[in-house]
Amino acid sequence: MTTSLTAWPNTRDVPPPTDHLYRSATWLLGRHPRLGRLTARIRGVVAIEDGELSVDVEHLANVVSD
């Protein structure tokens, strides 16, 4: 089953998490919707498990650097 991601949670009024790098990435993508939409288009970067978004930061970094 493929889950379609149409929007990240809006984090503009939420302080960034300081204790978890991966939650920080999700926060950043919610703060910048265009970056979030671009990220969601990259296969294997975004996962939705138990209703929570996760970002494979290493894979995203590899795609960007390639």
PDB file of N, CA and C in Angstrom:
ATOM      1  N   MET A   1       0.839  -1.177   0.000  1.00  0.00           N
ATOM      2  CA  MET A   1       0.000   0.000   0.000  1.00  0.00           C
ATOM      3  C   MET A   1       0.882   1.237   0.000  1.00  0.00           C
ATOM      4  N   THR A   2       0.555   2.205  -0.827  1.00  0.00           N
ATOM      5  CA  THR A   2       1.283   3.453  -0.887  1.00  0.00           C
ATOM      6  C   THR A   2       0.445   4.542  -0.258  1.00  0.00           C
ATOM      7  N   THR A   3       1.039   5.290   0.638  1.00  0.00           N
ATOM      8  CA  THR A   3       0.340   6.393   1.275  1.00  0.00           C
ATOM      9  C   THR A   3       0.749   7.677   0.585  1.00  0.00           C
ATOM     10  N   SER A   4      -0.213   8.509   0.271  1.00  0.00           N
ATOM     11  CA  SER A   4       0.057   9.778  -0.382  1.00  0.00           C
ATOM     12  C   SER A   4       0.142  10.878   0.668  1.00  0.00           C
ATOM     13  N   LEU A   5       1.194  11.629   0.600  1.00  0.00           N
ATOM     14  CA  LEU A   5       1.379  12.735   1.520  1.00  0.00           C
ATOM     15  C   LEU A   5       1.054  14.026   0.786  1.00  0.00           C
ATOM     16  N   THR A   6       0.049  14.736   1.250  1.00  0.00           N
ATOM     17  CA  THR A   6      -0.338  15.969   0.571  1.00  0.00           C
ATOM     18  C   THR A   6       0.102  17.204   1.343  1.00  0.00           C
ATOM     19  N   ALA A   7       0.349  17.088   2.638  1.00  0.00           N
ATOM     20  CA  ALA A   7       0.764  18.251   3.418  1.00  0.00           C
ATOM     21  C   ALA A   7       1.449  17.805   4.702  1.00  0.00           C
ATOM     22  N   TRP A   8       2.415  18.574   5.118  1.00  0.00           N
ATOM     23  CA  TRP A   8       3.075  18.355   6.406  1.00  0.00           C
ATOM     24  C   TRP A   8       2.308  19.135   7.459  1.00  0.00           C
ATOM     25  N   PRO A   9       2.396  18.699   8.698  1.00  0.00           N
ATOM     26  CA  PRO A   9       1.791  19.506   9.760  1.00  0.00           C
ATOM     27  C   PRO A   9       2.444  20.893   9.786  1.00  0.00           C
ATOM     28  N   ASN A  10       1.646  21.931   9.941  1.00  0.00           N
ATOM     29  CA  ASN A  10       2.170  23.293   9.988  1.00  0.00           C
ATOM     30  C   ASN A  10       2.922  23.500  11.303  1.00  0.00           C
ATOM     31  N   THR A  11       4.192  23.824  11.210  1.00  0.00           N
ATOM     32  CA  THR A  11       5.010  24.015  12.412  1.00  0.00           C
ATOM     33  C   THR A  11       5.509  25.447  12.548  1.00  0.00           C
ATOM     34  N   ARG A  12       4.887  26.373  11.849  1.00  0.00           N
ATOM     35  CA  ARG A  12       5.348  27.773  11.889  1.00  0.00           C
ATOM     36  C   ARG A  12       5.297  28.379  13.279  1.00  0.00           C
ATOM     37  N   ASP A  13       4.339  27.996  14.081  1.00  0.00           N
ATOM     38  CA  ASP A  13       4.195  28.571  15.426  1.00  0.00           C
ATOM     39  C   ASP A  13       4.672  27.619  16.521  1.00  0.00           C
ATOM     40  N   VAL A  14       5.419  26.604  16.135  1.00  0.00           N
ATOM     41  CA  VAL A  14       5.898  25.600  17.086  1.00  0.00           C
ATOM     42  C   VAL A  14       7.416  25.724  17.188  1.00  0.00           C
ATOM     43  N   PRO A  15       7.972  25.768  18.401  1.00  0.00           N
ATOM     44  CA  PRO A  15       9.431  25.827  18.508  1.00  0.00           C
ATOM     45  C   PRO A  15      10.058  24.527  18.003  1.00  0.00           C
ATOM     46  N   PRO A  16      11.252  24.609  17.442  1.00  0.00           N
ATOM     47  CA  PRO A  16      11.895  23.401  16.923  1.00  0.00           C
ATOM     48  C   PRO A  16      12.272  22.439  18.046  1.00  0.00           C
ATOM     49  N   PRO A  17      12.159  21.139  17.785  1.00  0.00           N
ATOM     50  CA  PRO A  17      12.604  20.177  18.789  1.00  0.00           C
ATOM     51  C   PRO A  17      14.127  20.251  18.912  1.00  0.00           C
ATOM     52  N   THR A  18      14.613  20.189  20.098  1.00  0.00           N
ATOM     53  CA  THR A  18      16.058  20.283  20.306  1.00  0.00           C
ATOM     54  C   THR A  18      16.676  18.959  20.747  1.00  0.00           C
ATOM     55  N   ASP A  19      15.843  17.960  20.934  1.00  0.00           N
ATOM     56  CA  ASP A  19      16.339  16.703  21.489  1.00  0.00           C
ATOM     57  C   ASP A  19      16.328  15.549  20.496  1.00  0.00           C
ATOM     58  N   HIS A  20      15.940  15.807  19.242  1.00  0.00           N
ATOM     59  CA  HIS A  20      15.800  14.702  18.302  1.00  0.00           C
ATOM     60  C   HIS A  20      16.011  15.202  16.876  1.00  0.00           C
ATOM     61  N   LEU A  21      17.090  14.784  16.222  1.00  0.00           N
ATOM     62  CA  LEU A  21      17.417  15.274  14.883  1.00  0.00           C
ATOM     63  C   LEU A  21      16.344  14.955  13.859  1.00  0.00           C
ATOM     64  N   TYR A  22      15.765  13.777  13.925  1.00  0.00           N
ATOM     65  CA  TYR A  22      14.789  13.384  12.926  1.00  0.00           C
ATOM     66  C   TYR A  22      13.482  14.147  13.086  1.00  0.00           C
ATOM     67  N   ARG A  23      13.073  14.417  14.315  1.00  0.00           N
ATOM     68  CA  ARG A  23      11.887  15.252  14.522  1.00  0.00           C
ATOM     69  C   ARG A  23      12.167  16.681  14.079  1.00  0.00           C
ATOM     70  N   SER A  24      13.413  17.106  14.217  1.00  0.00           N
ATOM     71  CA  SER A  24      13.793  18.434  13.736  1.00  0.00           C
ATOM     72  C   SER A  24      13.641  18.525  12.229  1.00  0.00           C
ATOM     73  N   ALA A  25      13.966  17.465  11.511  1.00  0.00           N
ATOM     74  CA  ALA A  25      13.810  17.451  10.053  1.00  0.00           C
ATOM     75  C   ALA A  25      12.336  17.550   9.681  1.00  0.00           C
ATOM     76  N   THR A  26      11.492  16.817  10.379  1.00  0.00           N
ATOM     77  CA  THR A  26      10.058  16.879  10.119  1.00  0.00           C
ATOM     78  C   THR A  26       9.524  18.272  10.427  1.00  0.00           C
ATOM     79  N   TRP A  27      10.003  18.870  11.516  1.00  0.00           N
ATOM     80  CA  TRP A  27       9.603  20.230  11.875  1.00  0.00           C
ATOM     81  C   TRP A  27       9.994  21.209  10.757  1.00  0.00           C
ATOM     82  N   LEU A  28      11.204  21.077  10.245  1.00  0.00           N
ATOM     83  CA  LEU A  28      11.684  21.969   9.192  1.00  0.00           C
ATOM     84  C   LEU A  28      10.835  21.853   7.931  1.00  0.00           C
ATOM     85  N   LEU A  29      10.468  20.642   7.572  1.00  0.00           N
ATOM     86  CA  LEU A  29       9.638  20.432   6.386  1.00  0.00           C
ATOM     87  C   LEU A  29       8.227  20.992   6.576  1.00  0.00           C
ATOM     88  N   GLY A  30       7.725  20.980   7.803  1.00  0.00           N
ATOM     89  CA  GLY A  30       6.426  21.591   8.084  1.00  0.00           C
ATOM     90  C   GLY A  30       6.492  23.110   8.049  1.00  0.00           C
ATOM     91  N   ARG A  31       7.645  23.638   8.330  1.00  0.00           N
ATOM     92  CA  ARG A  31       7.827  25.091   8.331  1.00  0.00           C
ATOM     93  C   ARG A  31       7.996  25.646   6.912  1.00  0.00           C
ATOM     94  N   HIS A  32       8.488  24.826   6.016  1.00  0.00           N
ATOM     95  CA  HIS A  32       8.742  25.245   4.633  1.00  0.00           C
ATOM     96  C   HIS A  32       7.990  24.306   3.686  1.00  0.00           C
ATOM     97  N   PRO A  33       6.730  24.606   3.388  1.00  0.00           N
ATOM     98  CA  PRO A  33       5.876  23.703   2.609  1.00  0.00           C
ATOM     99  C   PRO A  33       6.438  23.309   1.238  1.00  0.00           C
ATOM    100  N   ARG A  34       7.096  24.207   0.551  1.00  0.00           N
ATOM    101  CA  ARG A  34       7.646  23.860  -0.769  1.00  0.00           C
ATOM    102  C   ARG A  34       8.733  22.798  -0.632  1.00  0.00           C
ATOM    103  N   LEU A  35       9.562  22.929   0.367  1.00  0.00           N
ATOM    104  CA  LEU A  35      10.587  21.922   0.617  1.00  0.00           C
ATOM    105  C   LEU A  35       9.945  20.595   1.017  1.00  0.00           C
ATOM    106  N   GLY A  36       8.872  20.661   1.804  1.00  0.00           N
ATOM    107  CA  GLY A  36       8.153  19.456   2.198  1.00  0.00           C
ATOM    108  C   GLY A  36       7.558  18.726   1.013  1.00  0.00           C
ATOM    109  N   ARG A  37       6.954  19.465   0.080  1.00  0.00           N
ATOM    110  CA  ARG A  37       6.367  18.835  -1.110  1.00  0.00           C
ATOM    111  C   ARG A  37       7.449  18.192  -1.974  1.00  0.00           C
ATOM    112  N   LEU A  38       8.572  18.867  -2.122  1.00  0.00           N
ATOM    113  CA  LEU A  38       9.677  18.307  -2.896  1.00  0.00           C
ATOM    114  C   LEU A  38      10.203  17.030  -2.241  1.00  0.00           C
ATOM    115  N   THR A  39      10.363  17.061  -0.946  1.00  0.00           N
ATOM    116  CA  THR A  39      10.859  15.889  -0.211  1.00  0.00           C
ATOM    117  C   THR A  39       9.913  14.712  -0.349  1.00  0.00           C
ATOM    118  N   ALA A  40       8.620  14.959  -0.293  1.00  0.00           N
ATOM    119  CA  ALA A  40       7.629  13.885  -0.390  1.00  0.00           C
ATOM    120  C   ALA A  40       7.661  13.197  -1.749  1.00  0.00           C
ATOM    121  N   ARG A  41       8.196  13.863  -2.758  1.00  0.00           N
ATOM    122  CA  ARG A  41       8.264  13.282  -4.099  1.00  0.00           C
ATOM    123  C   ARG A  41       9.432  12.322  -4.265  1.00  0.00           C
ATOM    124  N   ILE A  42      10.372  12.311  -3.345  1.00  0.00           N
ATOM    125  CA  ILE A  42      11.552  11.455  -3.458  1.00  0.00           C
ATOM    126  C   ILE A  42      11.233  10.095  -2.838  1.00  0.00           C
ATOM    127  N   ARG A  43      11.297   9.073  -3.670  1.00  0.00           N
ATOM    128  CA  ARG A  43      10.962   7.721  -3.221  1.00  0.00           C
ATOM    129  C   ARG A  43      11.868   7.271  -2.073  1.00  0.00           C
ATOM    130  N   GLY A  44      11.241   6.782  -1.021  1.00  0.00           N
ATOM    131  CA  GLY A  44      11.976   6.200   0.093  1.00  0.00           C
ATOM    132  C   GLY A  44      12.422   7.177   1.169  1.00  0.00           C
ATOM    133  N   VAL A  45      12.121   8.456   1.021  1.00  0.00           N
ATOM    134  CA  VAL A  45      12.553   9.432   2.021  1.00  0.00           C
ATOM    135  C   VAL A  45      11.524   9.582   3.136  1.00  0.00           C
ATOM    136  N   VAL A  46      10.253   9.541   2.787  1.00  0.00           N
ATOM    137  CA  VAL A  46       9.187   9.761   3.765  1.00  0.00           C
ATOM    138  C   VAL A  46       8.473   8.451   4.059  1.00  0.00           C
ATOM    139  N   ALA A  47       8.261   8.208   5.339  1.00  0.00           N
ATOM    140  CA  ALA A  47       7.485   7.045   5.763  1.00  0.00           C
ATOM    141  C   ALA A  47       6.419   7.516   6.746  1.00  0.00           C
ATOM    142  N   ILE A  48       5.277   6.871   6.699  1.00  0.00           N
ATOM    143  CA  ILE A  48       4.210   7.150   7.657  1.00  0.00           C
ATOM    144  C   ILE A  48       3.917   5.842   8.370  1.00  0.00           C
ATOM    145  N   GLU A  49       4.240   5.833   9.660  1.00  0.00           N
ATOM    146  CA  GLU A  49       4.025   4.631  10.472  1.00  0.00           C
ATOM    147  C   GLU A  49       3.245   5.013  11.713  1.00  0.00           C
ATOM    148  N   ASP A  50       2.186   4.298  11.964  1.00  0.00           N
ATOM    149  CA  ASP A  50       1.319   4.559  13.125  1.00  0.00           C
ATOM    150  C   ASP A  50       0.866   6.015  13.156  1.00  0.00           C
ATOM    151  N   GLY A  51       0.622   6.581  11.987  1.00  0.00           N
ATOM    152  CA  GLY A  51       0.132   7.948  11.902  1.00  0.00           C
ATOM    153  C   GLY A  51       1.180   9.017  12.095  1.00  0.00           C
ATOM    154  N   GLU A  52       2.438   8.636  12.251  1.00  0.00           N
ATOM    155  CA  GLU A  52       3.504   9.617  12.460  1.00  0.00           C
ATOM    156  C   GLU A  52       4.447   9.639  11.263  1.00  0.00           C
ATOM    157  N   LEU A  53       4.786  10.844  10.827  1.00  0.00           N
ATOM    158  CA  LEU A  53       5.708  11.009   9.708  1.00  0.00           C
ATOM    159  C   LEU A  53       7.137  10.806  10.169  1.00  0.00           C
ATOM    160  N   SER A  54       7.919  10.163   9.336  1.00  0.00           N
ATOM    161  CA  SER A  54       9.360  10.091   9.601  1.00  0.00           C
ATOM    162  C   SER A  54      10.096  10.364   8.299  1.00  0.00           C
ATOM    163  N   VAL A  55      11.271  10.923   8.420  1.00  0.00           N
ATOM    164  CA  VAL A  55      12.086  11.300   7.278  1.00  0.00           C
ATOM    165  C   VAL A  55      13.409  10.551   7.366  1.00  0.00           C
ATOM    166  N   ASP A  56      13.769   9.882   6.281  1.00  0.00           N
ATOM    167  CA  ASP A  56      15.073   9.226   6.206  1.00  0.00           C
ATOM    168  C   ASP A  56      16.083  10.300   5.810  1.00  0.00           C
ATOM    169  N   VAL A  57      16.645  10.948   6.814  1.00  0.00           N
ATOM    170  CA  VAL A  57      17.518  12.097   6.605  1.00  0.00           C
ATOM    171  C   VAL A  57      18.758  11.721   5.805  1.00  0.00           C
ATOM    172  N   GLU A  58      19.310  10.548   6.052  1.00  0.00           N
ATOM    173  CA  GLU A  58      20.510  10.128   5.325  1.00  0.00           C
ATOM    174  C   GLU A  58      20.215   9.961   3.836  1.00  0.00           C
ATOM    175  N   HIS A  59      19.085   9.334   3.515  1.00  0.00           N
ATOM    176  CA  HIS A  59      18.705   9.149   2.113  1.00  0.00           C
ATOM    177  C   HIS A  59      18.461  10.494   1.432  1.00  0.00           C
ATOM    178  N   LEU A  60      17.772  11.389   2.128  1.00  0.00           N
ATOM    179  CA  LEU A  60      17.523  12.726   1.599  1.00  0.00           C
ATOM    180  C   LEU A  60      18.838  13.453   1.332  1.00  0.00           C
ATOM    181  N   ALA A  61      19.775  13.375   2.247  1.00  0.00           N
ATOM    182  CA  ALA A  61      21.073  14.022   2.064  1.00  0.00           C
ATOM    183  C   ALA A  61      21.815  13.433   0.876  1.00  0.00           C
ATOM    184  N   ASN A  62      21.746  12.124   0.686  1.00  0.00           N
ATOM    185  CA  ASN A  62      22.400  11.487  -0.462  1.00  0.00           C
ATOM    186  C   ASN A  62      21.791  11.946  -1.780  1.00  0.00           C
ATOM    187  N   VAL A  63      20.469  12.043  -1.830  1.00  0.00           N
ATOM    188  CA  VAL A  63      19.803  12.493  -3.054  1.00  0.00           C
ATOM    189  C   VAL A  63      20.197  13.932  -3.371  1.00  0.00           C
ATOM    190  N   VAL A  64      20.199  14.780  -2.351  1.00  0.00           N
ATOM    191  CA  VAL A  64      20.542  16.183  -2.570  1.00  0.00           C
ATOM    192  C   VAL A  64      21.995  16.325  -3.018  1.00  0.00           C
ATOM    193  N   SER A  65      22.896  15.582  -2.409  1.00  0.00           N
ATOM    194  CA  SER A  65      24.307  15.714  -2.768  1.00  0.00           C
ATOM    195  C   SER A  65      24.631  15.095  -4.132  1.00  0.00           C
ATOM    196  N   ASP A  66      23.818  14.104  -4.562  1.00  0.00           N
ATOM    197  CA  ASP A  66      24.033  13.527  -5.893  1.00  0.00           C
ATOM    198  C   ASP A  66      23.595  14.515  -6.930  1.00  0.00           C
TER     199      ASP A  66
END
